[in-house]
């Protein structure tokens, strides 16, 4: 969320895109951690699956922000 906010306030397109990419990569890290948490029974499989789906959805939203900035 902070990376998106920081990118949003940037005046430079390349900098915006960079922060949006940081946010998208963070979603990937969260997805990865859901497997670790689920495999170690730290959280239930249902909760791990739910978190993973939310991370996937958020990553797609981040991808939309990146596309909106353009090349």
Protein backbone atom coordinates (compact mmCIF):
# COMPACT_ATOMS: atom_id res chain seq x y z
CA UNK A 1 0.00 0.00 0.00
CA UNK A 2 2.82 2.40 0.81
CA UNK A 3 4.57 1.74 -2.50
CA UNK A 4 1.37 2.51 -4.38
CA UNK A 5 0.87 5.73 -2.39
CA UNK A 6 4.44 6.79 -3.04
CA UNK A 7 4.13 6.07 -6.76
CA UNK A 8 0.80 7.87 -6.93
CA UNK A 9 2.36 11.09 -5.62
CA UNK A 10 5.30 10.97 -8.02
CA UNK A 11 5.36 13.43 -10.91
CA UNK A 12 7.61 11.24 -13.07
CA UNK A 13 6.09 8.32 -14.99
CA UNK A 14 9.18 6.10 -14.65
CA UNK A 15 9.22 6.60 -10.91
CA UNK A 16 5.48 5.84 -10.66
CA UNK A 17 5.99 2.63 -12.59
CA UNK A 18 8.93 1.65 -10.39
CA UNK A 19 6.89 1.95 -7.19
CA UNK A 20 3.93 0.11 -8.72
CA UNK A 21 6.33 -2.69 -9.67
CA UNK A 22 7.61 -2.82 -6.09
CA UNK A 23 4.00 -3.25 -4.94
CA UNK A 24 3.36 -6.03 -7.47
CA UNK A 25 6.51 -7.88 -6.42
CA UNK A 26 5.42 -7.59 -2.79
CA UNK A 27 2.19 -9.36 -3.75
CA UNK A 28 4.33 -12.17 -5.12
CA UNK A 29 6.18 -12.37 -1.81
CA UNK A 30 2.89 -12.57 0.07
CA UNK A 31 1.72 -15.37 -2.25
CA UNK A 32 4.95 -17.24 -1.57
CA UNK A 33 4.54 -16.87 2.18
CA UNK A 34 1.00 -18.30 2.05
CA UNK A 35 2.52 -21.61 0.92
CA UNK A 36 5.01 -21.54 3.80
CA UNK A 37 2.31 -20.70 6.33
CA UNK A 38 -0.02 -23.37 5.00
CA UNK A 39 2.68 -26.05 4.75
CA UNK A 40 3.79 -25.40 8.34
CA UNK A 41 0.19 -25.39 9.60
CA UNK A 42 0.69 -21.87 10.95
CA UNK A 43 -2.67 -21.03 9.41
CA UNK A 44 -5.41 -23.23 8.01
CA UNK A 45 -5.36 -24.30 4.38
CA UNK A 46 -8.57 -22.32 3.88
CA UNK A 47 -6.97 -19.13 5.26
CA UNK A 48 -3.81 -19.68 3.20
CA UNK A 49 -5.90 -20.15 0.05
CA UNK A 50 -7.95 -17.04 0.84
CA UNK A 51 -4.85 -14.90 1.41
CA UNK A 52 -3.32 -16.22 -1.79
CA UNK A 53 -6.43 -15.31 -3.79
CA UNK A 54 -6.40 -11.81 -2.31
CA UNK A 55 -2.71 -11.41 -3.19
CA UNK A 56 -3.42 -12.55 -6.76
CA UNK A 57 -6.28 -10.07 -7.07
CA UNK A 58 -4.17 -7.24 -5.66
CA UNK A 59 -1.33 -8.12 -8.02
CA UNK A 60 -3.74 -7.83 -10.95
CA UNK A 61 -4.81 -4.40 -9.73
CA UNK A 62 -1.13 -3.41 -9.49
CA UNK A 63 -0.60 -4.64 -13.05
CA UNK A 64 -3.44 -2.37 -14.15
CA UNK A 65 -1.74 0.60 -12.50
CA UNK A 66 1.50 -0.27 -14.28
CA UNK A 67 -0.31 -0.46 -17.63
CA UNK A 68 -1.98 2.89 -16.95
CA UNK A 69 1.41 4.55 -16.69
CA UNK A 70 2.51 3.21 -20.06
CA UNK A 71 6.04 2.79 -21.34
